[in-house]
Amino acid sequence: MLINDFCINQDMMAKRRLNFKQRKLELLKLYKDSLERRIAAMNASIDVLQSQIDRDSN
């Protein structure tokens, strides 16, 4: 009986580790998406300012 309980506990721990890793991966993907949006906004701001500078210097 102890060996069976040990195997069940090992399986449960493996599932918990996998679940934790999957949730961590999803969270990191959300962070990445957020950062990509912020970078896109920064690039757009830079492009607009650069075009304004180019227009004003001509």
PDB file of N, CA and C in Angstrom:
ATOM      1  N   MET A   1       0.823  -1.200   0.000  1.00  0.00           N
ATOM      2  CA  MET A   1       0.000   0.000   0.000  1.00  0.00           C
ATOM      3  C   MET A   1       0.865   1.261   0.000  1.00  0.00           C
ATOM      4  N   LEU A   2       1.961   1.257   0.701  1.00  0.00           N
ATOM      5  CA  LEU A   2       2.813   2.442   0.749  1.00  0.00           C
ATOM      6  C   LEU A   2       3.412   2.761  -0.608  1.00  0.00           C
ATOM      7  N   ILE A   3       3.777   1.740  -1.356  1.00  0.00           N
ATOM      8  CA  ILE A   3       4.346   1.982  -2.678  1.00  0.00           C
ATOM      9  C   ILE A   3       3.304   2.612  -3.584  1.00  0.00           C
ATOM     10  N   ASN A   4       2.070   2.140  -3.519  1.00  0.00           N
ATOM     11  CA  ASN A   4       0.992   2.702  -4.330  1.00  0.00           C
ATOM     12  C   ASN A   4       0.747   4.159  -3.951  1.00  0.00           C
ATOM     13  N   ASP A   5       0.727   4.475  -2.664  1.00  0.00           N
ATOM     14  CA  ASP A   5       0.543   5.864  -2.216  1.00  0.00           C
ATOM     15  C   ASP A   5       1.689   6.737  -2.696  1.00  0.00           C
ATOM     16  N   PHE A   6       2.896   6.205  -2.648  1.00  0.00           N
ATOM     17  CA  PHE A   6       4.061   6.957  -3.099  1.00  0.00           C
ATOM     18  C   PHE A   6       3.942   7.287  -4.579  1.00  0.00           C
ATOM     19  N   CYS A   7       3.523   6.316  -5.371  1.00  0.00           N
ATOM     20  CA  CYS A   7       3.357   6.542  -6.814  1.00  0.00           C
ATOM     21  C   CYS A   7       2.286   7.592  -7.087  1.00  0.00           C
ATOM     22  N   ILE A   8       1.198   7.521  -6.342  1.00  0.00           N
ATOM     23  CA  ILE A   8       0.119   8.499  -6.514  1.00  0.00           C
ATOM     24  C   ILE A   8       0.630   9.895  -6.155  1.00  0.00           C
ATOM     25  N   ASN A   9       1.376  10.000  -5.056  1.00  0.00           N
ATOM     26  CA  ASN A   9       1.920  11.297  -4.661  1.00  0.00           C
ATOM     27  C   ASN A   9       2.898  11.814  -5.703  1.00  0.00           C
ATOM     28  N   GLN A  10       3.715  10.928  -6.262  1.00  0.00           N
ATOM     29  CA  GLN A  10       4.663  11.340  -7.294  1.00  0.00           C
ATOM     30  C   GLN A  10       3.912  11.840  -8.525  1.00  0.00           C
ATOM     31  N   ASP A  11       2.846  11.124  -8.909  1.00  0.00           N
ATOM     32  CA  ASP A  11       2.042  11.554 -10.055  1.00  0.00           C
ATOM     33  C   ASP A  11       1.386  12.905  -9.793  1.00  0.00           C
ATOM     34  N   MET A  12       0.871  13.081  -8.595  1.00  0.00           N
ATOM     35  CA  MET A  12       0.231  14.352  -8.246  1.00  0.00           C
ATOM     36  C   MET A  12       1.243  15.491  -8.278  1.00  0.00           C
ATOM     37  N   MET A  13       2.431  15.230  -7.759  1.00  0.00           N
ATOM     38  CA  MET A  13       3.462  16.276  -7.758  1.00  0.00           C
ATOM     39  C   MET A  13       3.902  16.607  -9.181  1.00  0.00           C
ATOM     40  N   ALA A  14       4.018  15.606 -10.019  1.00  0.00           N
ATOM     41  CA  ALA A  14       4.396  15.843 -11.417  1.00  0.00           C
ATOM     42  C   ALA A  14       3.324  16.676 -12.117  1.00  0.00           C
ATOM     43  N   LYS A  15       2.055  16.376 -11.864  1.00  0.00           N
ATOM     44  CA  LYS A  15       0.963  17.148 -12.463  1.00  0.00           C
ATOM     45  C   LYS A  15       0.958  18.582 -11.950  1.00  0.00           C
ATOM     46  N   ARG A  16       1.237  18.756 -10.660  1.00  0.00           N
ATOM     47  CA  ARG A  16       1.276  20.112 -10.092  1.00  0.00           C
ATOM     48  C   ARG A  16       2.421  20.918 -10.688  1.00  0.00           C
ATOM     49  N   ARG A  17       3.590  20.271 -10.858  1.00  0.00           N
ATOM     50  CA  ARG A  17       4.728  20.967 -11.468  1.00  0.00           C
ATOM     51  C   ARG A  17       4.405  21.367 -12.905  1.00  0.00           C
ATOM     52  N   LEU A  18       3.797  20.456 -13.646  1.00  0.00           N
ATOM     53  CA  LEU A  18       3.428  20.747 -15.020  1.00  0.00           C
ATOM     54  C   LEU A  18       2.414  21.895 -15.077  1.00  0.00           C
ATOM     55  N   ASN A  19       1.423  21.859 -14.206  1.00  0.00           N
ATOM     56  CA  ASN A  19       0.416  22.912 -14.144  1.00  0.00           C
ATOM     57  C   ASN A  19       1.063  24.254 -13.825  1.00  0.00           C
ATOM     58  N   PHE A  20       1.986  24.266 -12.874  1.00  0.00           N
ATOM     59  CA  PHE A  20       2.677  25.499 -12.508  1.00  0.00           C
ATOM     60  C   PHE A  20       3.469  26.045 -13.698  1.00  0.00           C
ATOM     61  N   LYS A  21       4.177  25.164 -14.390  1.00  0.00           N
ATOM     62  CA  LYS A  21       4.979  25.596 -15.538  1.00  0.00           C
ATOM     63  C   LYS A  21       4.090  26.132 -16.652  1.00  0.00           C
ATOM     64  N   GLN A  22       2.943  25.507 -16.865  1.00  0.00           N
ATOM     65  CA  GLN A  22       2.025  25.983 -17.901  1.00  0.00           C
ATOM     66  C   GLN A  22       1.467  27.352 -17.555  1.00  0.00           C
ATOM     67  N   ARG A  23       1.108  27.557 -16.281  1.00  0.00           N
ATOM     68  CA  ARG A  23       0.597  28.873 -15.865  1.00  0.00           C
ATOM     69  C   ARG A  23       1.690  29.927 -15.969  1.00  0.00           C
ATOM     70  N   LYS A  24       2.910  29.573 -15.619  1.00  0.00           N
ATOM     71  CA  LYS A  24       4.027  30.516 -15.720  1.00  0.00           C
ATOM     72  C   LYS A  24       4.268  30.898 -17.178  1.00  0.00           C
ATOM     73  N   LEU A  25       4.195  29.918 -18.072  1.00  0.00           N
ATOM     74  CA  LEU A  25       4.367  30.187 -19.496  1.00  0.00           C
ATOM     75  C   LEU A  25       3.292  31.141 -20.002  1.00  0.00           C
ATOM     76  N   GLU A  26       2.047  30.923 -19.617  1.00  0.00           N
ATOM     77  CA  GLU A  26       0.966  31.818 -20.037  1.00  0.00           C
ATOM     78  C   GLU A  26       1.189  33.233 -19.512  1.00  0.00           C
ATOM     79  N   LEU A  27       1.631  33.355 -18.286  1.00  0.00           N
ATOM     80  CA  LEU A  27       1.892  34.673 -17.712  1.00  0.00           C
ATOM     81  C   LEU A  27       3.021  35.376 -18.460  1.00  0.00           C
ATOM     82  N   LEU A  28       4.073  34.646 -18.771  1.00  0.00           N
ATOM     83  CA  LEU A  28       5.186  35.241 -19.510  1.00  0.00           C
ATOM     84  C   LEU A  28       4.748  35.669 -20.908  1.00  0.00           C
ATOM     85  N   LYS A  29       3.869  34.903 -21.535  1.00  0.00           N
ATOM     86  CA  LYS A  29       3.346  35.290 -22.843  1.00  0.00           C
ATOM     87  C   LYS A  29       2.533  36.572 -22.748  1.00  0.00           C
ATOM     88  N   LEU A  30       1.757  36.707 -21.667  1.00  0.00           N
ATOM     89  CA  LEU A  30       0.987  37.937 -21.467  1.00  0.00           C
ATOM     90  C   LEU A  30       1.910  39.135 -21.277  1.00  0.00           C
ATOM     91  N   TYR A  31       2.973  38.953 -20.489  1.00  0.00           N
ATOM     92  CA  TYR A  31       3.955  40.028 -20.313  1.00  0.00           C
ATOM     93  C   TYR A  31       4.588  40.402 -21.645  1.00  0.00           C
ATOM     94  N   LYS A  32       4.939  39.402 -22.436  1.00  0.00           N
ATOM     95  CA  LYS A  32       5.562  39.650 -23.735  1.00  0.00           C
ATOM     96  C   LYS A  32       4.627  40.438 -24.635  1.00  0.00           C
ATOM     97  N   ASP A  33       3.357  40.046 -24.693  1.00  0.00           N
ATOM     98  CA  ASP A  33       2.382  40.762 -25.517  1.00  0.00           C
ATOM     99  C   ASP A  33       2.260  42.218 -25.079  1.00  0.00           C
ATOM    100  N   SER A  34       2.229  42.423 -23.772  1.00  0.00           N
ATOM    101  CA  SER A  34       2.128  43.780 -23.250  1.00  0.00           C
ATOM    102  C   SER A  34       3.347  44.611 -23.644  1.00  0.00           C
ATOM    103  N   LEU A  35       4.520  44.033 -23.509  1.00  0.00           N
ATOM    104  CA  LEU A  35       5.741  44.757 -23.877  1.00  0.00           C
ATOM    105  C   LEU A  35       5.800  45.040 -25.372  1.00  0.00           C
ATOM    106  N   GLU A  36       5.333  44.101 -26.182  1.00  0.00           N
ATOM    107  CA  GLU A  36       5.318  44.328 -27.624  1.00  0.00           C
ATOM    108  C   GLU A  36       4.393  45.476 -27.999  1.00  0.00           C
ATOM    109  N   ARG A  37       3.254  45.581 -27.313  1.00  0.00           N
ATOM    110  CA  ARG A  37       2.346  46.703 -27.574  1.00  0.00           C
ATOM    111  C   ARG A  37       3.000  48.021 -27.188  1.00  0.00           C
ATOM    112  N   ARG A  38       3.693  48.026 -26.051  1.00  0.00           N
ATOM    113  CA  ARG A  38       4.353  49.257 -25.611  1.00  0.00           C
ATOM    114  C   ARG A  38       5.475  49.654 -26.565  1.00  0.00           C
ATOM    115  N   ILE A  39       6.216  48.669 -27.063  1.00  0.00           N
ATOM    116  CA  ILE A  39       7.286  48.953 -28.021  1.00  0.00           C
ATOM    117  C   ILE A  39       6.693  49.493 -29.324  1.00  0.00           C
ATOM    118  N   ALA A  40       5.594  48.921 -29.765  1.00  0.00           N
ATOM    119  CA  ALA A  40       4.938  49.405 -30.991  1.00  0.00           C
ATOM    120  C   ALA A  40       4.494  50.853 -30.821  1.00  0.00           C
ATOM    121  N   ALA A  41       3.969  51.186 -29.660  1.00  0.00           N
ATOM    122  CA  ALA A  41       3.541  52.566 -29.402  1.00  0.00           C
ATOM    123  C   ALA A  41       4.747  53.506 -29.392  1.00  0.00           C
ATOM    124  N   MET A  42       5.839  53.062 -28.789  1.00  0.00           N
ATOM    125  CA  MET A  42       7.052  53.890 -28.762  1.00  0.00           C
ATOM    126  C   MET A  42       7.588  54.098 -30.178  1.00  0.00           C
ATOM    127  N   ASN A  43       7.602  53.045 -30.976  1.00  0.00           N
ATOM    128  CA  ASN A  43       8.080  53.164 -32.358  1.00  0.00           C
ATOM    129  C   ASN A  43       7.205  54.118 -33.157  1.00  0.00           C
ATOM    130  N   ALA A  44       5.894  54.060 -32.945  1.00  0.00           N
ATOM    131  CA  ALA A  44       4.988  54.974 -33.634  1.00  0.00           C
ATOM    132  C   ALA A  44       5.264  56.418 -33.216  1.00  0.00           C
ATOM    133  N   SER A  45       5.489  56.646 -31.950  1.00  0.00           N
ATOM    134  CA  SER A  45       5.796  58.003 -31.463  1.00  0.00           C
ATOM    135  C   SER A  45       7.100  58.510 -32.065  1.00  0.00           C
ATOM    136  N   ILE A  46       8.076  57.649 -32.120  1.00  0.00           N
ATOM    137  CA  ILE A  46       9.373  58.031 -32.703  1.00  0.00           C
ATOM    138  C   ILE A  46       9.206  58.386 -34.171  1.00  0.00           C
ATOM    139  N   ASP A  47       8.441  57.569 -34.909  1.00  0.00           N
ATOM    140  CA  ASP A  47       8.221  57.836 -36.332  1.00  0.00           C
ATOM    141  C   ASP A  47       7.513  59.171 -36.547  1.00  0.00           C
ATOM    142  N   VAL A  48       6.505  59.454 -35.736  1.00  0.00           N
ATOM    143  CA  VAL A  48       5.772  60.722 -35.866  1.00  0.00           C
ATOM    144  C   VAL A  48       6.697  61.894 -35.565  1.00  0.00           C
ATOM    145  N   LEU A  49       7.465  61.800 -34.498  1.00  0.00           N
ATOM    146  CA  LEU A  49       8.386  62.893 -34.169  1.00  0.00           C
ATOM    147  C   LEU A  49       9.442  63.081 -35.249  1.00  0.00           C
ATOM    148  N   GLN A  50       9.944  61.988 -35.781  1.00  0.00           N
ATOM    149  CA  GLN A  50      10.953  62.087 -36.832  1.00  0.00           C
ATOM    150  C   GLN A  50      10.374  62.753 -38.074  1.00  0.00           C
ATOM    151  N   SER A  51       9.140  62.397 -38.428  1.00  0.00           N
ATOM    152  CA  SER A  51       8.522  63.016 -39.600  1.00  0.00           C
ATOM    153  C   SER A  51       8.253  64.509 -39.344  1.00  0.00           C
ATOM    154  N   GLN A  52       7.889  64.864 -38.114  1.00  0.00           N
ATOM    155  CA  GLN A  52       7.676  66.269 -37.792  1.00  0.00           C
ATOM    156  C   GLN A  52       8.984  67.052 -37.874  1.00  0.00           C
ATOM    157  N   ILE A  53      10.049  66.465 -37.390  1.00  0.00           N
ATOM    158  CA  ILE A  53      11.363  67.118 -37.456  1.00  0.00           C
ATOM    159  C   ILE A  53      11.781  67.300 -38.901  1.00  0.00           C
ATOM    160  N   ASP A  54      11.601  66.246 -39.703  1.00  0.00           N
ATOM    161  CA  ASP A  54      11.971  66.322 -41.117  1.00  0.00           C
ATOM    162  C   ASP A  54      11.131  67.377 -41.841  1.00  0.00           C
ATOM    163  N   ARG A  55       9.836  67.430 -41.530  1.00  0.00           N
ATOM    164  CA  ARG A  55       8.945  68.409 -42.173  1.00  0.00           C
ATOM    165  C   ARG A  55       9.324  69.827 -41.767  1.00  0.00           C
ATOM    166  N   ASP A  56       9.642  70.033 -40.497  1.00  0.00           N
ATOM    167  CA  ASP A  56       9.957  71.377 -40.010  1.00  0.00           C
ATOM    168  C   ASP A  56      11.326  71.857 -40.473  1.00  0.00           C
ATOM    169  N   SER A  57      12.228  70.953 -40.746  1.00  0.00           N
ATOM    170  CA  SER A  57      13.573  71.378 -41.159  1.00  0.00           C
ATOM    171  C   SER A  57      13.622  71.702 -42.651  1.00  0.00           C
ATOM    172  N   ASN A  58      12.590  71.354 -43.401  1.00  0.00           N
ATOM    173  CA  ASN A  58      12.567  71.671 -44.847  1.00  0.00           C
ATOM    174  C   ASN A  58      11.919  72.987 -45.132  1.00  0.00           C
TER     175      ASN A  58
END
